[in-house]
């Protein structure tokens, strides 16, 4: 897939990659090659969370919804 335009994070450098998690078009500086995601999603994933468009559902208090929550 060809990426065109500017990085959606810094809004100045040419976007060369597309985040596999959220779909942002990002430049080389804002792309984590090891994880194939943008810098924003890489930070979230390292913290154990999801990104804006990739995390699981959240329940009250922002915790992840699990089977016990669904069965209540």
PDB file of N, CA and C in Angstrom:
ATOM      1  N   UNK A   1       0.846  -1.170   0.000  1.00  0.00           N
ATOM      2  CA  UNK A   1       0.000   0.000   0.000  1.00  0.00           C
ATOM      3  C   UNK A   1       0.891   1.233   0.000  1.00  0.00           C
ATOM      4  N   UNK A   2       0.558   2.172  -0.816  1.00  0.00           N
ATOM      5  CA  UNK A   2       1.321   3.408  -0.919  1.00  0.00           C
ATOM      6  C   UNK A   2       0.762   4.453   0.046  1.00  0.00           C
ATOM      7  N   UNK A   3       1.635   5.059   0.822  1.00  0.00           N
ATOM      8  CA  UNK A   3       1.242   6.083   1.782  1.00  0.00           C
ATOM      9  C   UNK A   3       1.602   7.441   1.197  1.00  0.00           C
ATOM     10  N   UNK A   4       0.668   8.357   1.224  1.00  0.00           N
ATOM     11  CA  UNK A   4       0.937   9.713   0.745  1.00  0.00           C
ATOM     12  C   UNK A   4       0.510  10.708   1.805  1.00  0.00           C
ATOM     13  N   UNK A   5       1.124  11.875   1.780  1.00  0.00           N
ATOM     14  CA  UNK A   5       0.776  12.927   2.723  1.00  0.00           C
ATOM     15  C   UNK A   5       1.807  13.079   3.816  1.00  0.00           C
ATOM     16  N   UNK A   6       1.424  13.824   4.836  1.00  0.00           N
ATOM     17  CA  UNK A   6       2.333  14.080   5.950  1.00  0.00           C
ATOM     18  C   UNK A   6       1.960  13.215   7.147  1.00  0.00           C
ATOM     19  N   UNK A   7       2.910  13.057   8.024  1.00  0.00           N
ATOM     20  CA  UNK A   7       2.740  12.283   9.248  1.00  0.00           C
ATOM     21  C   UNK A   7       1.579  12.852  10.062  1.00  0.00           C
ATOM     22  N   UNK A   8       0.712  11.989  10.532  1.00  0.00           N
ATOM     23  CA  UNK A   8      -0.431  12.421  11.324  1.00  0.00           C
ATOM     24  C   UNK A   8      -0.069  12.687  12.779  1.00  0.00           C
ATOM     25  N   UNK A   9       1.185  12.506  13.138  1.00  0.00           N
ATOM     26  CA  UNK A   9       1.628  12.842  14.493  1.00  0.00           C
ATOM     27  C   UNK A   9       2.351  14.182  14.486  1.00  0.00           C
ATOM     28  N   UNK A  10       3.416  14.309  13.696  1.00  0.00           N
ATOM     29  CA  UNK A  10       4.187  15.562  13.686  1.00  0.00           C
ATOM     30  C   UNK A  10       3.669  16.570  12.662  1.00  0.00           C
ATOM     31  N   UNK A  11       2.907  16.096  11.707  1.00  0.00           N
ATOM     32  CA  UNK A  11       2.317  16.939  10.663  1.00  0.00           C
ATOM     33  C   UNK A  11       3.338  17.742   9.857  1.00  0.00           C
ATOM     34  N   UNK A  12       4.561  17.197   9.733  1.00  0.00           N
ATOM     35  CA  UNK A  12       5.565  17.898   8.934  1.00  0.00           C
ATOM     36  C   UNK A  12       6.343  16.962   8.014  1.00  0.00           C
ATOM     37  N   UNK A  13       6.774  15.825   8.512  1.00  0.00           N
ATOM     38  CA  UNK A  13       7.555  14.889   7.702  1.00  0.00           C
ATOM     39  C   UNK A  13       6.631  14.051   6.815  1.00  0.00           C
ATOM     40  N   UNK A  14       7.197  13.535   5.735  1.00  0.00           N
ATOM     41  CA  UNK A  14       6.434  12.689   4.823  1.00  0.00           C
ATOM     42  C   UNK A  14       6.068  11.365   5.495  1.00  0.00           C
ATOM     43  N   UNK A  15       4.806  10.995   5.409  1.00  0.00           N
ATOM     44  CA  UNK A  15       4.347   9.717   5.962  1.00  0.00           C
ATOM     45  C   UNK A  15       4.827   8.587   5.058  1.00  0.00           C
ATOM     46  N   UNK A  16       5.454   7.588   5.650  1.00  0.00           N
ATOM     47  CA  UNK A  16       5.970   6.453   4.888  1.00  0.00           C
ATOM     48  C   UNK A  16       5.405   5.118   5.377  1.00  0.00           C
ATOM     49  N   UNK A  17       4.710   5.134   6.508  1.00  0.00           N
ATOM     50  CA  UNK A  17       4.199   3.899   7.105  1.00  0.00           C
ATOM     51  C   UNK A  17       2.753   4.083   7.540  1.00  0.00           C
ATOM     52  N   UNK A  18       2.053   2.966   7.658  1.00  0.00           N
ATOM     53  CA  UNK A  18       0.684   2.964   8.165  1.00  0.00           C
ATOM     54  C   UNK A  18       0.643   2.080   9.406  1.00  0.00           C
ATOM     55  N   UNK A  19       0.119   2.604  10.497  1.00  0.00           N
ATOM     56  CA  UNK A  19       0.034   1.863  11.754  1.00  0.00           C
ATOM     57  C   UNK A  19      -0.927   0.687  11.605  1.00  0.00           C
ATOM     58  N   UNK A  20      -0.492  -0.492  12.017  1.00  0.00           N
ATOM     59  CA  UNK A  20      -1.322  -1.690  11.934  1.00  0.00           C
ATOM     60  C   UNK A  20      -2.418  -1.701  12.994  1.00  0.00           C
ATOM     61  N   UNK A  21      -2.291  -0.860  14.014  1.00  0.00           N
ATOM     62  CA  UNK A  21      -3.264  -0.816  15.105  1.00  0.00           C
ATOM     63  C   UNK A  21      -4.372   0.200  14.841  1.00  0.00           C
ATOM     64  N   UNK A  22      -4.008   1.434  14.514  1.00  0.00           N
ATOM     65  CA  UNK A  22      -5.003   2.509  14.391  1.00  0.00           C
ATOM     66  C   UNK A  22      -5.149   3.053  12.980  1.00  0.00           C
ATOM     67  N   UNK A  23      -4.198   2.735  12.097  1.00  0.00           N
ATOM     68  CA  UNK A  23      -4.283   3.185  10.719  1.00  0.00           C
ATOM     69  C   UNK A  23      -3.665   4.543  10.431  1.00  0.00           C
ATOM     70  N   UNK A  24      -3.061   5.197  11.441  1.00  0.00           N
ATOM     71  CA  UNK A  24      -2.427   6.494  11.196  1.00  0.00           C
ATOM     72  C   UNK A  24      -1.324   6.357  10.155  1.00  0.00           C
ATOM     73  N   UNK A  25      -1.210   7.360   9.303  1.00  0.00           N
ATOM     74  CA  UNK A  25      -0.085   7.465   8.382  1.00  0.00           C
ATOM     75  C   UNK A  25       1.004   8.229   9.128  1.00  0.00           C
ATOM     76  N   UNK A  26       2.181   7.628   9.266  1.00  0.00           N
ATOM     77  CA  UNK A  26       3.235   8.237  10.072  1.00  0.00           C
ATOM     78  C   UNK A  26       4.585   8.212   9.368  1.00  0.00           C
ATOM     79  N   UNK A  27       5.456   9.121   9.800  1.00  0.00           N
ATOM     80  CA  UNK A  27       6.811   9.204   9.257  1.00  0.00           C
ATOM     81  C   UNK A  27       7.708   8.163   9.923  1.00  0.00           C
ATOM     82  N   UNK A  28       8.922   8.075   9.433  1.00  0.00           N
ATOM     83  CA  UNK A  28       9.906   7.129   9.964  1.00  0.00           C
ATOM     84  C   UNK A  28      10.147   7.340  11.461  1.00  0.00           C
ATOM     85  N   UNK A  29      10.219   8.599  11.897  1.00  0.00           N
ATOM     86  CA  UNK A  29      10.503   8.907  13.304  1.00  0.00           C
ATOM     87  C   UNK A  29       9.381   8.495  14.250  1.00  0.00           C
ATOM     88  N   UNK A  30       8.170   8.392  13.754  1.00  0.00           N
ATOM     89  CA  UNK A  30       7.025   8.081  14.610  1.00  0.00           C
ATOM     90  C   UNK A  30       6.458   6.684  14.359  1.00  0.00           C
ATOM     91  N   UNK A  31       7.295   5.810  13.802  1.00  0.00           N
ATOM     92  CA  UNK A  31       6.889   4.434  13.508  1.00  0.00           C
ATOM     93  C   UNK A  31       7.790   3.467  14.250  1.00  0.00           C
ATOM     94  N   UNK A  32       7.200   2.514  14.950  1.00  0.00           N
ATOM     95  CA  UNK A  32       7.947   1.478  15.656  1.00  0.00           C
ATOM     96  C   UNK A  32       7.977   0.243  14.759  1.00  0.00           C
ATOM     97  N   UNK A  33       9.113   0.022  14.098  1.00  0.00           N
ATOM     98  CA  UNK A  33       9.235  -1.090  13.142  1.00  0.00           C
ATOM     99  C   UNK A  33       9.039  -2.446  13.814  1.00  0.00           C
ATOM    100  N   UNK A  34       9.548  -2.605  15.003  1.00  0.00           N
ATOM    101  CA  UNK A  34       9.459  -3.881  15.706  1.00  0.00           C
ATOM    102  C   UNK A  34       8.003  -4.285  15.955  1.00  0.00           C
ATOM    103  N   UNK A  35       7.176  -3.306  16.301  1.00  0.00           N
ATOM    104  CA  UNK A  35       5.776  -3.583  16.616  1.00  0.00           C
ATOM    105  C   UNK A  35       4.835  -3.314  15.439  1.00  0.00           C
ATOM    106  N   UNK A  36       5.347  -2.678  14.381  1.00  0.00           N
ATOM    107  CA  UNK A  36       4.565  -2.314  13.186  1.00  0.00           C
ATOM    108  C   UNK A  36       3.393  -1.403  13.520  1.00  0.00           C
ATOM    109  N   UNK A  37       3.632  -0.501  14.471  1.00  0.00           N
ATOM    110  CA  UNK A  37       2.601   0.453  14.881  1.00  0.00           C
ATOM    111  C   UNK A  37       3.212   1.833  15.057  1.00  0.00           C
ATOM    112  N   UNK A  38       2.352   2.848  15.146  1.00  0.00           N
ATOM    113  CA  UNK A  38       2.840   4.205  15.365  1.00  0.00           C
ATOM    114  C   UNK A  38       3.334   4.364  16.803  1.00  0.00           C
ATOM    115  N   UNK A  39       4.035   5.456  17.050  1.00  0.00           N
ATOM    116  CA  UNK A  39       4.588   5.746  18.371  1.00  0.00           C
ATOM    117  C   UNK A  39       3.493   5.796  19.445  1.00  0.00           C
ATOM    118  N   UNK A  40       2.338   6.352  19.122  1.00  0.00           N
ATOM    119  CA  UNK A  40       1.237   6.465  20.083  1.00  0.00           C
ATOM    120  C   UNK A  40       0.744   5.077  20.490  1.00  0.00           C
ATOM    121  N   UNK A  41       0.487   4.212  19.521  1.00  0.00           N
ATOM    122  CA  UNK A  41       0.009   2.864  19.814  1.00  0.00           C
ATOM    123  C   UNK A  41       1.082   2.022  20.495  1.00  0.00           C
ATOM    124  N   UNK A  42       2.341   2.191  20.107  1.00  0.00           N
ATOM    125  CA  UNK A  42       3.433   1.444  20.735  1.00  0.00           C
ATOM    126  C   UNK A  42       3.498   1.764  22.221  1.00  0.00           C
ATOM    127  N   UNK A  43       3.347   3.033  22.570  1.00  0.00           N
ATOM    128  CA  UNK A  43       3.357   3.436  23.978  1.00  0.00           C
ATOM    129  C   UNK A  43       2.204   2.784  24.722  1.00  0.00           C
ATOM    130  N   UNK A  44       1.014   2.815  24.142  1.00  0.00           N
ATOM    131  CA  UNK A  44      -0.160   2.199  24.766  1.00  0.00           C
ATOM    132  C   UNK A  44       0.025   0.693  24.928  1.00  0.00           C
ATOM    133  N   UNK A  45       0.526   0.037  23.900  1.00  0.00           N
ATOM    134  CA  UNK A  45       0.712  -1.409  23.960  1.00  0.00           C
ATOM    135  C   UNK A  45       1.757  -1.798  24.998  1.00  0.00           C
ATOM    136  N   UNK A  46       2.809  -1.004  25.132  1.00  0.00           N
ATOM    137  CA  UNK A  46       3.838  -1.294  26.140  1.00  0.00           C
ATOM    138  C   UNK A  46       3.290  -1.149  27.554  1.00  0.00           C
ATOM    139  N   UNK A  47       2.315  -0.248  27.720  1.00  0.00           N
ATOM    140  CA  UNK A  47       1.677  -0.061  29.024  1.00  0.00           C
ATOM    141  C   UNK A  47       0.614  -1.114  29.282  1.00  0.00           C
ATOM    142  N   UNK A  48       0.338  -1.938  28.283  1.00  0.00           N
ATOM    143  CA  UNK A  48      -0.655  -2.986  28.451  1.00  0.00           C
ATOM    144  C   UNK A  48      -2.050  -2.583  28.041  1.00  0.00           C
ATOM    145  N   UNK A  49      -2.188  -1.408  27.448  1.00  0.00           N
ATOM    146  CA  UNK A  49      -3.507  -0.953  27.017  1.00  0.00           C
ATOM    147  C   UNK A  49      -3.653  -1.082  25.525  1.00  0.00           C
ATOM    148  N   UNK A  50      -4.826  -0.721  25.045  1.00  0.00           N
ATOM    149  CA  UNK A  50      -5.086  -0.691  23.615  1.00  0.00           C
ATOM    150  C   UNK A  50      -4.963   0.732  23.133  1.00  0.00           C
ATOM    151  N   UNK A  51      -5.043   0.916  21.855  1.00  0.00           N
ATOM    152  CA  UNK A  51      -5.034   2.265  21.303  1.00  0.00           C
ATOM    153  C   UNK A  51      -6.456   2.757  21.146  1.00  0.00           C
ATOM    154  N   UNK A  52      -6.588   3.944  20.594  1.00  0.00           N
ATOM    155  CA  UNK A  52      -7.904   4.540  20.395  1.00  0.00           C
ATOM    156  C   UNK A  52      -8.860   3.609  19.664  1.00  0.00           C
ATOM    157  N   UNK A  53      -8.387   2.947  18.665  1.00  0.00           N
ATOM    158  CA  UNK A  53      -9.299   2.133  17.865  1.00  0.00           C
ATOM    159  C   UNK A  53      -9.019   0.641  17.980  1.00  0.00           C
ATOM    160  N   UNK A  54      -8.201   0.250  18.950  1.00  0.00           N
ATOM    161  CA  UNK A  54      -7.880  -1.157  18.988  1.00  0.00           C
ATOM    162  C   UNK A  54      -8.072  -1.827  20.324  1.00  0.00           C
ATOM    163  N   UNK A  55      -8.264  -1.065  21.390  1.00  0.00           N
ATOM    164  CA  UNK A  55      -8.400  -1.656  22.704  1.00  0.00           C
ATOM    165  C   UNK A  55      -9.737  -2.337  22.874  1.00  0.00           C
ATOM    166  N   UNK A  56      -9.798  -3.202  23.851  1.00  0.00           N
ATOM    167  CA  UNK A  56     -11.047  -3.880  24.134  1.00  0.00           C
ATOM    168  C   UNK A  56     -12.018  -2.963  24.844  1.00  0.00           C
ATOM    169  N   UNK A  57     -13.219  -3.470  25.098  1.00  0.00           N
ATOM    170  CA  UNK A  57     -14.226  -2.654  25.773  1.00  0.00           C
ATOM    171  C   UNK A  57     -13.813  -2.340  27.197  1.00  0.00           C
ATOM    172  N   UNK A  58     -14.208  -1.171  27.654  1.00  0.00           N
ATOM    173  CA  UNK A  58     -13.894  -0.748  29.010  1.00  0.00           C
ATOM    174  C   UNK A  58     -15.174  -0.697  29.828  1.00  0.00           C
ATOM    175  N   UNK A  59     -15.095  -1.147  31.063  1.00  0.00           N
ATOM    176  CA  UNK A  59     -16.237  -1.107  31.961  1.00  0.00           C
ATOM    177  C   UNK A  59     -16.154   0.105  32.865  1.00  0.00           C
ATOM    178  N   UNK A  60     -16.947   0.090  33.926  1.00  0.00           N
ATOM    179  CA  UNK A  60     -16.913   1.186  34.892  1.00  0.00           C
ATOM    180  C   UNK A  60     -15.521   1.329  35.463  1.00  0.00           C
ATOM    181  N   UNK A  61     -15.088   2.553  35.633  1.00  0.00           N
ATOM    182  CA  UNK A  61     -13.762   2.801  36.183  1.00  0.00           C
ATOM    183  C   UNK A  61     -12.646   2.602  35.175  1.00  0.00           C
ATOM    184  N   UNK A  62     -12.970   2.339  33.923  1.00  0.00           N
ATOM    185  CA  UNK A  62     -11.962   2.211  32.885  1.00  0.00           C
ATOM    186  C   UNK A  62     -11.266   0.867  32.817  1.00  0.00           C
ATOM    187  N   UNK A  63     -11.716  -0.125  33.625  1.00  0.00           N
ATOM    188  CA  UNK A  63     -11.053  -1.433  33.568  1.00  0.00           C
ATOM    189  C   UNK A  63     -11.573  -2.238  32.390  1.00  0.00           C
ATOM    190  N   UNK A  64     -10.783  -3.202  31.961  1.00  0.00           N
ATOM    191  CA  UNK A  64     -11.198  -4.057  30.854  1.00  0.00           C
ATOM    192  C   UNK A  64     -12.396  -4.893  31.276  1.00  0.00           C
ATOM    193  N   UNK A  65     -13.333  -5.068  30.368  1.00  0.00           N
ATOM    194  CA  UNK A  65     -14.500  -5.901  30.619  1.00  0.00           C
ATOM    195  C   UNK A  65     -14.079  -7.353  30.459  1.00  0.00           C
ATOM    196  N   UNK A  66     -14.426  -8.186  31.437  1.00  0.00           N
ATOM    197  CA  UNK A  66     -14.102  -9.607  31.338  1.00  0.00           C
ATOM    198  C   UNK A  66     -15.383 -10.431  31.445  1.00  0.00           C
ATOM    199  N   UNK A  67     -15.268 -11.764  31.449  1.00  0.00           N
ATOM    200  CA  UNK A  67     -16.439 -12.637  31.497  1.00  0.00           C
ATOM    201  C   UNK A  67     -17.294 -12.394  32.732  1.00  0.00           C
ATOM    202  N   UNK A  68     -16.669 -12.130  33.874  1.00  0.00           N
ATOM    203  CA  UNK A  68     -17.434 -11.876  35.092  1.00  0.00           C
ATOM    204  C   UNK A  68     -18.326 -10.653  34.946  1.00  0.00           C
ATOM    205  N   UNK A  69     -17.835  -9.620  34.276  1.00  0.00           N
ATOM    206  CA  UNK A  69     -18.637  -8.418  34.055  1.00  0.00           C
ATOM    207  C   UNK A  69     -19.841  -8.720  33.175  1.00  0.00           C
ATOM    208  N   UNK A  70     -19.651  -9.543  32.181  1.00  0.00           N
ATOM    209  CA  UNK A  70     -20.725  -9.857  31.244  1.00  0.00           C
ATOM    210  C   UNK A  70     -21.788 -10.713  31.915  1.00  0.00           C
ATOM    211  N   UNK A  71     -21.383 -11.611  32.796  1.00  0.00           N
ATOM    212  CA  UNK A  71     -22.315 -12.512  33.457  1.00  0.00           C
ATOM    213  C   UNK A  71     -23.086 -11.850  34.590  1.00  0.00           C
ATOM    214  N   UNK A  72     -22.695 -10.670  35.013  1.00  0.00           N
ATOM    215  CA  UNK A  72     -23.391  -9.980  36.113  1.00  0.00           C
ATOM    216  C   UNK A  72     -24.684  -9.399  35.660  1.00  0.00           C
TER     217      UNK A  72
END
